[in-house]
PDB file of N, CA and C in Angstrom:
ATOM      1  N   MET A   1     -19.403  -9.468  10.786  1.00  0.00           N
ATOM      2  CA  MET A   1     -19.112  -8.834  12.045  1.00  0.00           C
ATOM      3  C   MET A   1     -19.349  -9.822  13.162  1.00  0.00           C
ATOM      4  N   SER A   2     -18.464  -9.794  14.095  1.00  0.00           N
ATOM      5  CA  SER A   2     -18.682 -10.633  15.265  1.00  0.00           C
ATOM      6  C   SER A   2     -18.772  -9.754  16.495  1.00  0.00           C
ATOM      7  N   HIS A   3     -19.698 -10.084  17.350  1.00  0.00           N
ATOM      8  CA  HIS A   3     -19.947  -9.287  18.550  1.00  0.00           C
ATOM      9  C   HIS A   3     -19.804 -10.217  19.736  1.00  0.00           C
ATOM     10  N   LYS A   4     -19.011  -9.809  20.711  1.00  0.00           N
ATOM     11  CA  LYS A   4     -18.759 -10.671  21.858  1.00  0.00           C
ATOM     12  C   LYS A   4     -18.831  -9.852  23.133  1.00  0.00           C
ATOM     13  N   GLU A   5     -19.654 -10.313  24.078  1.00  0.00           N
ATOM     14  CA  GLU A   5     -19.709  -9.679  25.396  1.00  0.00           C
ATOM     15  C   GLU A   5     -18.475 -10.114  26.175  1.00  0.00           C
ATOM     16  N   THR A   6     -17.812  -9.163  26.813  1.00  0.00           N
ATOM     17  CA  THR A   6     -16.617  -9.503  27.570  1.00  0.00           C
ATOM     18  C   THR A   6     -16.847  -9.447  29.071  1.00  0.00           C
ATOM     19  N   ALA A   7     -18.050  -9.118  29.482  1.00  0.00           N
ATOM     20  CA  ALA A   7     -18.414  -9.132  30.900  1.00  0.00           C
ATOM     21  C   ALA A   7     -19.906  -9.391  30.973  1.00  0.00           C
ATOM     22  N   SER A   8     -20.397  -9.781  32.118  1.00  0.00           N
ATOM     23  CA  SER A   8     -21.805 -10.110  32.212  1.00  0.00           C
ATOM     24  C   SER A   8     -22.602  -8.932  32.739  1.00  0.00           C
ATOM     25  N   GLY A   9     -23.905  -8.981  32.477  1.00  0.00           N
ATOM     26  CA  GLY A   9     -24.803  -7.962  32.989  1.00  0.00           C
ATOM     27  C   GLY A   9     -25.105  -6.892  31.963  1.00  0.00           C
ATOM     28  N   ALA A  10     -26.169  -6.140  32.218  1.00  0.00           N
ATOM     29  CA  ALA A  10     -26.572  -5.076  31.322  1.00  0.00           C
ATOM     30  C   ALA A  10     -25.527  -3.971  31.333  1.00  0.00           C
ATOM     31  N   GLY A  11     -25.228  -3.455  30.169  1.00  0.00           N
ATOM     32  CA  GLY A  11     -24.277  -2.365  30.066  1.00  0.00           C
ATOM     33  C   GLY A  11     -22.832  -2.801  30.185  1.00  0.00           C
ATOM     34  N   ALA A  12     -22.584  -4.102  30.109  1.00  0.00           N
ATOM     35  CA  ALA A  12     -21.228  -4.625  30.245  1.00  0.00           C
ATOM     36  C   ALA A  12     -20.381  -4.210  29.052  1.00  0.00           C
ATOM     37  N   ALA A  13     -19.079  -4.399  29.191  1.00  0.00           N
ATOM     38  CA  ALA A  13     -18.164  -4.134  28.091  1.00  0.00           C
ATOM     39  C   ALA A  13     -18.402  -5.147  26.983  1.00  0.00           C
ATOM     40  N   ALA A  14     -18.206  -4.714  25.753  1.00  0.00           N
ATOM     41  CA  ALA A  14     -18.412  -5.592  24.608  1.00  0.00           C
ATOM     42  C   ALA A  14     -17.291  -5.360  23.604  1.00  0.00           C
ATOM     43  N   ARG A  15     -17.120  -6.326  22.729  1.00  0.00           N
ATOM     44  CA  ARG A  15     -16.113  -6.238  21.674  1.00  0.00           C
ATOM     45  C   ARG A  15     -16.798  -6.540  20.358  1.00  0.00           C
ATOM     46  N   LEU A  16     -16.568  -5.690  19.365  1.00  0.00           N
ATOM     47  CA  LEU A  16     -17.127  -5.884  18.036  1.00  0.00           C
ATOM     48  C   LEU A  16     -15.983  -5.890  17.040  1.00  0.00           C
ATOM     49  N   ALA A  17     -15.844  -6.987  16.323  1.00  0.00           N
ATOM     50  CA  ALA A  17     -14.795  -7.099  15.308  1.00  0.00           C
ATOM     51  C   ALA A  17     -15.438  -6.935  13.936  1.00  0.00           C
ATOM     52  N   LEU A  18     -15.010  -5.920  13.209  1.00  0.00           N
ATOM     53  CA  LEU A  18     -15.514  -5.721  11.855  1.00  0.00           C
ATOM     54  C   LEU A  18     -14.665  -6.548  10.903  1.00  0.00           C
ATOM     55  N   ASP A  19     -15.321  -7.379  10.106  1.00  0.00           N
ATOM     56  CA  ASP A  19     -14.582  -8.232   9.186  1.00  0.00           C
ATOM     57  C   ASP A  19     -14.928  -7.934   7.728  1.00  0.00           C
ATOM     58  N   ALA A  20     -15.561  -6.784   7.494  1.00  0.00           N
ATOM     59  CA  ALA A  20     -15.860  -6.340   6.135  1.00  0.00           C
ATOM     60  C   ALA A  20     -15.232  -4.967   5.937  1.00  0.00           C
ATOM     61  N   ASP A  21     -15.086  -4.587   4.690  1.00  0.00           N
ATOM     62  CA  ASP A  21     -14.526  -3.276   4.389  1.00  0.00           C
ATOM     63  C   ASP A  21     -15.434  -2.174   4.937  1.00  0.00           C
ATOM     64  N   LEU A  22     -14.831  -1.116   5.412  1.00  0.00           N
ATOM     65  CA  LEU A  22     -15.573   0.065   5.880  1.00  0.00           C
ATOM     66  C   LEU A  22     -15.719   1.010   4.686  1.00  0.00           C
ATOM     67  N   THR A  23     -16.647   0.671   3.805  1.00  0.00           N
ATOM     68  CA  THR A  23     -16.854   1.452   2.589  1.00  0.00           C
ATOM     69  C   THR A  23     -18.331   1.759   2.418  1.00  0.00           C
ATOM     70  N   ILE A  24     -18.615   2.590   1.459  1.00  0.00           N
ATOM     71  CA  ILE A  24     -19.983   2.995   1.165  1.00  0.00           C
ATOM     72  C   ILE A  24     -20.876   1.781   0.891  1.00  0.00           C
ATOM     73  N   TYR A  25     -20.303   0.706   0.393  1.00  0.00           N
ATOM     74  CA  TYR A  25     -21.076  -0.485   0.043  1.00  0.00           C
ATOM     75  C   TYR A  25     -21.611  -1.221   1.269  1.00  0.00           C
ATOM     76  N   HIS A  26     -20.991  -1.022   2.418  1.00  0.00           N
ATOM     77  CA  HIS A  26     -21.399  -1.702   3.645  1.00  0.00           C
ATOM     78  C   HIS A  26     -21.882  -0.737   4.722  1.00  0.00           C
ATOM     79  N   ALA A  27     -21.896   0.547   4.410  1.00  0.00           N
ATOM     80  CA  ALA A  27     -22.115   1.583   5.425  1.00  0.00           C
ATOM     81  C   ALA A  27     -23.435   1.434   6.176  1.00  0.00           C
ATOM     82  N   GLU A  28     -24.507   1.168   5.496  1.00  0.00           N
ATOM     83  CA  GLU A  28     -25.820   1.130   6.162  1.00  0.00           C
ATOM     84  C   GLU A  28     -25.908  -0.011   7.180  1.00  0.00           C
ATOM     85  N   THR A  29     -25.493  -1.212   6.804  1.00  0.00           N
ATOM     86  CA  THR A  29     -25.566  -2.335   7.745  1.00  0.00           C
ATOM     87  C   THR A  29     -24.560  -2.164   8.881  1.00  0.00           C
ATOM     88  N   GLN A  30     -23.375  -1.635   8.573  1.00  0.00           N
ATOM     89  CA  GLN A  30     -22.383  -1.420   9.613  1.00  0.00           C
ATOM     90  C   GLN A  30     -22.832  -0.341  10.590  1.00  0.00           C
ATOM     91  N   LYS A  31     -23.481   0.694  10.079  1.00  0.00           N
ATOM     92  CA  LYS A  31     -23.970   1.755  10.954  1.00  0.00           C
ATOM     93  C   LYS A  31     -24.938   1.187  11.981  1.00  0.00           C
ATOM     94  N   GLN A  32     -25.878   0.377  11.538  1.00  0.00           N
ATOM     95  CA  GLN A  32     -26.849  -0.195  12.466  1.00  0.00           C
ATOM     96  C   GLN A  32     -26.187  -1.137  13.461  1.00  0.00           C
ATOM     97  N   ALA A  33     -25.228  -1.936  13.004  1.00  0.00           N
ATOM     98  CA  ALA A  33     -24.526  -2.853  13.902  1.00  0.00           C
ATOM     99  C   ALA A  33     -23.733  -2.085  14.960  1.00  0.00           C
ATOM    100  N   LEU A  34     -23.101  -0.985  14.570  1.00  0.00           N
ATOM    101  CA  LEU A  34     -22.342  -0.178  15.518  1.00  0.00           C
ATOM    102  C   LEU A  34     -23.261   0.479  16.542  1.00  0.00           C
ATOM    103  N   ILE A  35     -24.375   1.014  16.097  1.00  0.00           N
ATOM    104  CA  ILE A  35     -25.329   1.653  17.009  1.00  0.00           C
ATOM    105  C   ILE A  35     -25.916   0.628  17.968  1.00  0.00           C
ATOM    106  N   ASP A  36     -26.255  -0.560  17.458  1.00  0.00           N
ATOM    107  CA  ASP A  36     -26.798  -1.617  18.316  1.00  0.00           C
ATOM    108  C   ASP A  36     -25.773  -2.073  19.353  1.00  0.00           C
ATOM    109  N   ALA A  37     -24.518  -2.221  18.936  1.00  0.00           N
ATOM    110  CA  ALA A  37     -23.470  -2.647  19.871  1.00  0.00           C
ATOM    111  C   ALA A  37     -23.248  -1.594  20.954  1.00  0.00           C
ATOM    112  N   LEU A  38     -23.286  -0.338  20.568  1.00  0.00           N
ATOM    113  CA  LEU A  38     -23.116   0.741  21.544  1.00  0.00           C
ATOM    114  C   LEU A  38     -24.287   0.776  22.521  1.00  0.00           C
ATOM    115  N   ALA A  39     -25.486   0.540  22.025  1.00  0.00           N
ATOM    116  CA  ALA A  39     -26.674   0.575  22.887  1.00  0.00           C
ATOM    117  C   ALA A  39     -26.617  -0.495  23.971  1.00  0.00           C
ATOM    118  N   GLY A  40     -25.943  -1.603  23.691  1.00  0.00           N
ATOM    119  CA  GLY A  40     -25.916  -2.710  24.625  1.00  0.00           C
ATOM    120  C   GLY A  40     -24.760  -2.718  25.600  1.00  0.00           C
ATOM    121  N   SER A  41     -23.927  -1.671  25.589  1.00  0.00           N
ATOM    122  CA  SER A  41     -22.777  -1.684  26.491  1.00  0.00           C
ATOM    123  C   SER A  41     -22.358  -0.261  26.864  1.00  0.00           C
ATOM    124  N   ASN A  42     -21.637  -0.160  27.958  1.00  0.00           N
ATOM    125  CA  ASN A  42     -21.084   1.126  28.368  1.00  0.00           C
ATOM    126  C   ASN A  42     -19.695   1.354  27.788  1.00  0.00           C
ATOM    127  N   ARG A  43     -19.034   0.250  27.432  1.00  0.00           N
ATOM    128  CA  ARG A  43     -17.700   0.323  26.841  1.00  0.00           C
ATOM    129  C   ARG A  43     -17.639  -0.664  25.689  1.00  0.00           C
ATOM    130  N   LEU A  44     -17.282  -0.167  24.524  1.00  0.00           N
ATOM    131  CA  LEU A  44     -17.230  -1.003  23.331  1.00  0.00           C
ATOM    132  C   LEU A  44     -15.834  -0.936  22.736  1.00  0.00           C
ATOM    133  N   GLU A  45     -15.235  -2.104  22.543  1.00  0.00           N
ATOM    134  CA  GLU A  45     -13.964  -2.176  21.832  1.00  0.00           C
ATOM    135  C   GLU A  45     -14.282  -2.547  20.394  1.00  0.00           C
ATOM    136  N   LEU A  46     -13.833  -1.728  19.477  1.00  0.00           N
ATOM    137  CA  LEU A  46     -14.073  -1.927  18.054  1.00  0.00           C
ATOM    138  C   LEU A  46     -12.768  -2.368  17.401  1.00  0.00           C
ATOM    139  N   ASP A  47     -12.708  -3.640  17.018  1.00  0.00           N
ATOM    140  CA  ASP A  47     -11.507  -4.232  16.431  1.00  0.00           C
ATOM    141  C   ASP A  47     -11.570  -4.095  14.910  1.00  0.00           C
ATOM    142  N   LEU A  48     -10.619  -3.360  14.346  1.00  0.00           N
ATOM    143  CA  LEU A  48     -10.596  -3.112  12.906  1.00  0.00           C
ATOM    144  C   LEU A  48      -9.468  -3.858  12.202  1.00  0.00           C
ATOM    145  N   SER A  49      -8.920  -4.878  12.836  1.00  0.00           N
ATOM    146  CA  SER A  49      -7.761  -5.578  12.268  1.00  0.00           C
ATOM    147  C   SER A  49      -8.074  -6.313  10.969  1.00  0.00           C
ATOM    148  N   ALA A  50      -9.322  -6.678  10.718  1.00  0.00           N
ATOM    149  CA  ALA A  50      -9.676  -7.409   9.496  1.00  0.00           C
ATOM    150  C   ALA A  50     -10.255  -6.513   8.410  1.00  0.00           C
ATOM    151  N   VAL A  51     -10.243  -5.207   8.614  1.00  0.00           N
ATOM    152  CA  VAL A  51     -10.772  -4.277   7.610  1.00  0.00           C
ATOM    153  C   VAL A  51      -9.735  -4.113   6.505  1.00  0.00           C
ATOM    154  N   GLY A  52     -10.102  -4.529   5.298  1.00  0.00           N
ATOM    155  CA  GLY A  52      -9.170  -4.466   4.177  1.00  0.00           C
ATOM    156  C   GLY A  52      -9.189  -3.148   3.432  1.00  0.00           C
ATOM    157  N   ASP A  53     -10.309  -2.428   3.506  1.00  0.00           N
ATOM    158  CA  ASP A  53     -10.437  -1.170   2.786  1.00  0.00           C
ATOM    159  C   ASP A  53     -11.343  -0.235   3.574  1.00  0.00           C
ATOM    160  N   ILE A  54     -11.074   1.044   3.492  1.00  0.00           N
ATOM    161  CA  ILE A  54     -11.883   2.060   4.164  1.00  0.00           C
ATOM    162  C   ILE A  54     -11.930   3.285   3.257  1.00  0.00           C
ATOM    163  N   ASP A  55     -13.112   3.892   3.170  1.00  0.00           N
ATOM    164  CA  ASP A  55     -13.250   5.125   2.401  1.00  0.00           C
ATOM    165  C   ASP A  55     -13.853   6.199   3.300  1.00  0.00           C
ATOM    166  N   THR A  56     -14.239   7.318   2.716  1.00  0.00           N
ATOM    167  CA  THR A  56     -14.761   8.409   3.541  1.00  0.00           C
ATOM    168  C   THR A  56     -16.056   8.025   4.246  1.00  0.00           C
ATOM    169  N   ALA A  57     -16.850   7.147   3.666  1.00  0.00           N
ATOM    170  CA  ALA A  57     -18.059   6.685   4.347  1.00  0.00           C
ATOM    171  C   ALA A  57     -17.677   5.902   5.600  1.00  0.00           C
ATOM    172  N   GLY A  58     -16.629   5.100   5.528  1.00  0.00           N
ATOM    173  CA  GLY A  58     -16.150   4.366   6.690  1.00  0.00           C
ATOM    174  C   GLY A  58     -15.619   5.293   7.764  1.00  0.00           C
ATOM    175  N   LEU A  59     -14.880   6.317   7.354  1.00  0.00           N
ATOM    176  CA  LEU A  59     -14.400   7.305   8.313  1.00  0.00           C
ATOM    177  C   LEU A  59     -15.563   8.019   8.993  1.00  0.00           C
ATOM    178  N   GLN A  60     -16.591   8.343   8.222  1.00  0.00           N
ATOM    179  CA  GLN A  60     -17.766   8.995   8.790  1.00  0.00           C
ATOM    180  C   GLN A  60     -18.453   8.103   9.817  1.00  0.00           C
ATOM    181  N   LEU A  61     -18.489   6.799   9.560  1.00  0.00           N
ATOM    182  CA  LEU A  61     -19.079   5.873  10.538  1.00  0.00           C
ATOM    183  C   LEU A  61     -18.290   5.867  11.837  1.00  0.00           C
ATOM    184  N   LEU A  62     -16.967   5.854  11.728  1.00  0.00           N
ATOM    185  CA  LEU A  62     -16.142   5.855  12.927  1.00  0.00           C
ATOM    186  C   LEU A  62     -16.313   7.152  13.707  1.00  0.00           C
ATOM    187  N   ILE A  63     -16.369   8.266  13.000  1.00  0.00           N
ATOM    188  CA  ILE A  63     -16.584   9.556  13.655  1.00  0.00           C
ATOM    189  C   ILE A  63     -17.957   9.593  14.306  1.00  0.00           C
ATOM    190  N   LEU A  64     -18.972   9.095  13.610  1.00  0.00           N
ATOM    191  CA  LEU A  64     -20.339   9.055  14.141  1.00  0.00           C
ATOM    192  C   LEU A  64     -20.418   8.248  15.426  1.00  0.00           C
ATOM    193  N   ILE A  65     -19.839   7.060  15.433  1.00  0.00           N
ATOM    194  CA  ILE A  65     -19.972   6.197  16.605  1.00  0.00           C
ATOM    195  C   ILE A  65     -19.172   6.757  17.782  1.00  0.00           C
ATOM    196  N   LYS A  66     -18.033   7.389  17.513  1.00  0.00           N
ATOM    197  CA  LYS A  66     -17.277   8.047  18.586  1.00  0.00           C
ATOM    198  C   LYS A  66     -18.097   9.196  19.182  1.00  0.00           C
ATOM    199  N   ARG A  67     -18.721   9.994  18.326  1.00  0.00           N
ATOM    200  CA  ARG A  67     -19.528  11.121  18.777  1.00  0.00           C
ATOM    201  C   ARG A  67     -20.753  10.642  19.564  1.00  0.00           C
ATOM    202  N   GLU A  68     -21.403   9.595  19.087  1.00  0.00           N
ATOM    203  CA  GLU A  68     -22.563   9.038  19.789  1.00  0.00           C
ATOM    204  C   GLU A  68     -22.178   8.512  21.169  1.00  0.00           C
ATOM    205  N   ALA A  69     -21.037   7.868  21.245  1.00  0.00           N
ATOM    206  CA  ALA A  69     -20.575   7.338  22.534  1.00  0.00           C
ATOM    207  C   ALA A  69     -20.355   8.480  23.521  1.00  0.00           C
ATOM    208  N   ARG A  70     -19.673   9.523  23.084  1.00  0.00           N
ATOM    209  CA  ARG A  70     -19.440  10.672  23.965  1.00  0.00           C
ATOM    210  C   ARG A  70     -20.757  11.289  24.424  1.00  0.00           C
ATOM    211  N   ALA A  71     -21.711  11.430  23.511  1.00  0.00           N
ATOM    212  CA  ALA A  71     -23.007  12.034  23.836  1.00  0.00           C
ATOM    213  C   ALA A  71     -23.766  11.204  24.865  1.00  0.00           C
ATOM    214  N   GLN A  72     -23.560   9.887  24.853  1.00  0.00           N
ATOM    215  CA  GLN A  72     -24.255   8.992  25.768  1.00  0.00           C
ATOM    216  C   GLN A  72     -23.440   8.692  27.028  1.00  0.00           C
ATOM    217  N   GLY A  73     -22.268   9.291  27.142  1.00  0.00           N
ATOM    218  CA  GLY A  73     -21.418   9.045  28.304  1.00  0.00           C
ATOM    219  C   GLY A  73     -20.805   7.663  28.301  1.00  0.00           C
ATOM    220  N   LYS A  74     -20.613   7.115  27.108  1.00  0.00           N
ATOM    221  CA  LYS A  74     -20.039   5.776  26.964  1.00  0.00           C
ATOM    222  C   LYS A  74     -18.651   5.892  26.346  1.00  0.00           C
ATOM    223  N   GLU A  75     -17.961   4.772  26.300  1.00  0.00           N
ATOM    224  CA  GLU A  75     -16.597   4.756  25.775  1.00  0.00           C
ATOM    225  C   GLU A  75     -16.491   3.786  24.614  1.00  0.00           C
ATOM    226  N   ILE A  76     -15.843   4.232  23.557  1.00  0.00           N
ATOM    227  CA  ILE A  76     -15.504   3.358  22.429  1.00  0.00           C
ATOM    228  C   ILE A  76     -14.001   3.418  22.252  1.00  0.00           C
ATOM    229  N   VAL A  77     -13.400   2.247  22.210  1.00  0.00           N
ATOM    230  CA  VAL A  77     -11.967   2.133  21.981  1.00  0.00           C
ATOM    231  C   VAL A  77     -11.779   1.408  20.655  1.00  0.00           C
ATOM    232  N   ILE A  78     -11.076   2.055  19.740  1.00  0.00           N
ATOM    233  CA  ILE A  78     -10.772   1.417  18.461  1.00  0.00           C
ATOM    234  C   ILE A  78      -9.414   0.761  18.591  1.00  0.00           C
ATOM    235  N   SER A  79      -9.358  -0.519  18.228  1.00  0.00           N
ATOM    236  CA  SER A  79      -8.102  -1.262  18.355  1.00  0.00           C
ATOM    237  C   SER A  79      -7.849  -2.065  17.085  1.00  0.00           C
ATOM    238  N   GLY A  80      -6.653  -2.611  16.995  1.00  0.00           N
ATOM    239  CA  GLY A  80      -6.317  -3.488  15.880  1.00  0.00           C
ATOM    240  C   GLY A  80      -6.444  -2.803  14.530  1.00  0.00           C
ATOM    241  N   HIS A  81      -6.024  -1.565  14.437  1.00  0.00           N
ATOM    242  CA  HIS A  81      -6.128  -0.825  13.176  1.00  0.00           C
ATOM    243  C   HIS A  81      -5.403  -1.581  12.063  1.00  0.00           C
ATOM    244  N   SER A  82      -6.127  -1.941  11.008  1.00  0.00           N
ATOM    245  CA  SER A  82      -5.483  -2.588   9.868  1.00  0.00           C
ATOM    246  C   SER A  82      -4.613  -1.559   9.144  1.00  0.00           C
ATOM    247  N   THR A  83      -3.789  -2.030   8.235  1.00  0.00           N
ATOM    248  CA  THR A  83      -2.926  -1.130   7.470  1.00  0.00           C
ATOM    249  C   THR A  83      -3.759  -0.093   6.732  1.00  0.00           C
ATOM    250  N   ALA A  84      -4.848  -0.513   6.099  1.00  0.00           N
ATOM    251  CA  ALA A  84      -5.698   0.423   5.349  1.00  0.00           C
ATOM    252  C   ALA A  84      -6.294   1.478   6.271  1.00  0.00           C
ATOM    253  N   VAL A  85      -6.731   1.072   7.447  1.00  0.00           N
ATOM    254  CA  VAL A  85      -7.315   2.015   8.405  1.00  0.00           C
ATOM    255  C   VAL A  85      -6.250   2.994   8.884  1.00  0.00           C
ATOM    256  N   ARG A  86      -5.083   2.488   9.256  1.00  0.00           N
ATOM    257  CA  ARG A  86      -3.994   3.373   9.706  1.00  0.00           C
ATOM    258  C   ARG A  86      -3.626   4.386   8.640  1.00  0.00           C
ATOM    259  N   GLN A  87      -3.460   3.914   7.409  1.00  0.00           N
ATOM    260  CA  GLN A  87      -3.057   4.806   6.324  1.00  0.00           C
ATOM    261  C   GLN A  87      -4.115   5.880   6.054  1.00  0.00           C
ATOM    262  N   THR A  88      -5.370   5.505   6.085  1.00  0.00           N
ATOM    263  CA  THR A  88      -6.444   6.458   5.801  1.00  0.00           C
ATOM    264  C   THR A  88      -6.578   7.479   6.922  1.00  0.00           C
ATOM    265  N   ILE A  89      -6.524   7.017   8.172  1.00  0.00           N
ATOM    266  CA  ILE A  89      -6.610   7.941   9.303  1.00  0.00           C
ATOM    267  C   ILE A  89      -5.411   8.894   9.284  1.00  0.00           C
ATOM    268  N   ASP A  90      -4.242   8.367   8.967  1.00  0.00           N
ATOM    269  CA  ASP A  90      -3.043   9.205   8.891  1.00  0.00           C
ATOM    270  C   ASP A  90      -3.147  10.202   7.732  1.00  0.00           C
ATOM    271  N   PHE A  91      -3.574   9.745   6.572  1.00  0.00           N
ATOM    272  CA  PHE A  91      -3.699  10.609   5.401  1.00  0.00           C
ATOM    273  C   PHE A  91      -4.653  11.769   5.667  1.00  0.00           C
ATOM    274  N   CYS A  92      -5.742  11.486   6.377  1.00  0.00           N
ATOM    275  CA  CYS A  92      -6.744  12.514   6.682  1.00  0.00           C
ATOM    276  C   CYS A  92      -6.411  13.296   7.951  1.00  0.00           C
ATOM    277  N   ASN A  93      -5.284  12.966   8.576  1.00  0.00           N
ATOM    278  CA  ASN A  93      -4.815  13.649   9.784  1.00  0.00           C
ATOM    279  C   ASN A  93      -5.876  13.608  10.891  1.00  0.00           C
ATOM    280  N   LEU A  94      -6.454  12.424  11.128  1.00  0.00           N
ATOM    281  CA  LEU A  94      -7.525  12.270  12.103  1.00  0.00           C
ATOM    282  C   LEU A  94      -7.133  11.458  13.331  1.00  0.00           C
ATOM    283  N   ALA A  95      -5.883  11.085  13.456  1.00  0.00           N
ATOM    284  CA  ALA A  95      -5.468  10.255  14.592  1.00  0.00           C
ATOM    285  C   ALA A  95      -5.798  10.925  15.917  1.00  0.00           C
ATOM    286  N   ALA A  96      -5.522  12.200  16.045  1.00  0.00           N
ATOM    287  CA  ALA A  96      -5.805  12.915  17.297  1.00  0.00           C
ATOM    288  C   ALA A  96      -7.300  13.017  17.554  1.00  0.00           C
ATOM    289  N   ALA A  97      -8.099  13.136  16.499  1.00  0.00           N
ATOM    290  CA  ALA A  97      -9.557  13.245  16.653  1.00  0.00           C
ATOM    291  C   ALA A  97     -10.138  11.966  17.240  1.00  0.00           C
ATOM    292  N   PHE A  98      -9.589  10.800  16.845  1.00  0.00           N
ATOM    293  CA  PHE A  98     -10.080   9.545  17.386  1.00  0.00           C
ATOM    294  C   PHE A  98      -9.533   9.286  18.779  1.00  0.00           C
ATOM    295  N   GLY A  99      -8.290   9.646  19.008  1.00  0.00           N
ATOM    296  CA  GLY A  99      -7.705   9.523  20.327  1.00  0.00           C
ATOM    297  C   GLY A  99      -7.328   8.117  20.748  1.00  0.00           C
ATOM    298  N   ASP A 100      -7.363   7.177  19.828  1.00  0.00           N
ATOM    299  CA  ASP A 100      -7.008   5.793  20.158  1.00  0.00           C
ATOM    300  C   ASP A 100      -5.574   5.526  19.733  1.00  0.00           C
ATOM    301  N   PRO A 101      -4.797   4.823  20.566  1.00  0.00           N
ATOM    302  CA  PRO A 101      -3.423   4.517  20.178  1.00  0.00           C
ATOM    303  C   PRO A 101      -3.408   3.570  18.974  1.00  0.00           C
ATOM    304  N   MET A 102      -2.560   3.875  18.001  1.00  0.00           N
ATOM    305  CA  MET A 102      -2.413   3.012  16.839  1.00  0.00           C
ATOM    306  C   MET A 102      -1.051   2.346  16.920  1.00  0.00           C
ATOM    307  N   VAL A 103      -1.041   1.034  16.936  1.00  0.00           N
ATOM    308  CA  VAL A 103       0.198   0.276  16.966  1.00  0.00           C
ATOM    309  C   VAL A 103       0.650   0.059  15.549  1.00  0.00           C
ATOM    310  N   ILE A 104       1.843   0.514  15.242  1.00  0.00           N
ATOM    311  CA  ILE A 104       2.397   0.369  13.905  1.00  0.00           C
ATOM    312  C   ILE A 104       3.392  -0.770  13.931  1.00  0.00           C
ATOM    313  N   PRO A 105       3.098  -1.847  13.168  1.00  0.00           N
ATOM    314  CA  PRO A 105       4.002  -2.995  13.189  1.00  0.00           C
ATOM    315  C   PRO A 105       5.360  -2.645  12.620  1.00  0.00           C
ATOM    316  N   ALA A 106       6.379  -3.374  13.087  1.00  0.00           N
ATOM    317  CA  ALA A 106       7.756  -3.130  12.643  1.00  0.00           C
ATOM    318  C   ALA A 106       7.941  -3.486  11.193  1.00  0.00           C
TER     319      ALA A 106
END
């Protein structure tokens, strides 16, 4: 995972790129990284373009971090949905629940 501040100061916007699969095998470390990234910013962009696989544990993490952001009055934007992420979100009919635009390549 790579974490990059995109503005200066406390509570600035941040970008977190997940480069591991969003699966049960990585869920615990990813959960802590997502919570830590959210704690350090008011707006977090979560880039999922390098996620090769996602399962229900990964979906639960995304739902958790979206819910936590709303509860704290913060914003999380999911971007760069990989093919696996798009297919899983579509299969589970959760696109509207996340509310993030998904760009589908031609």
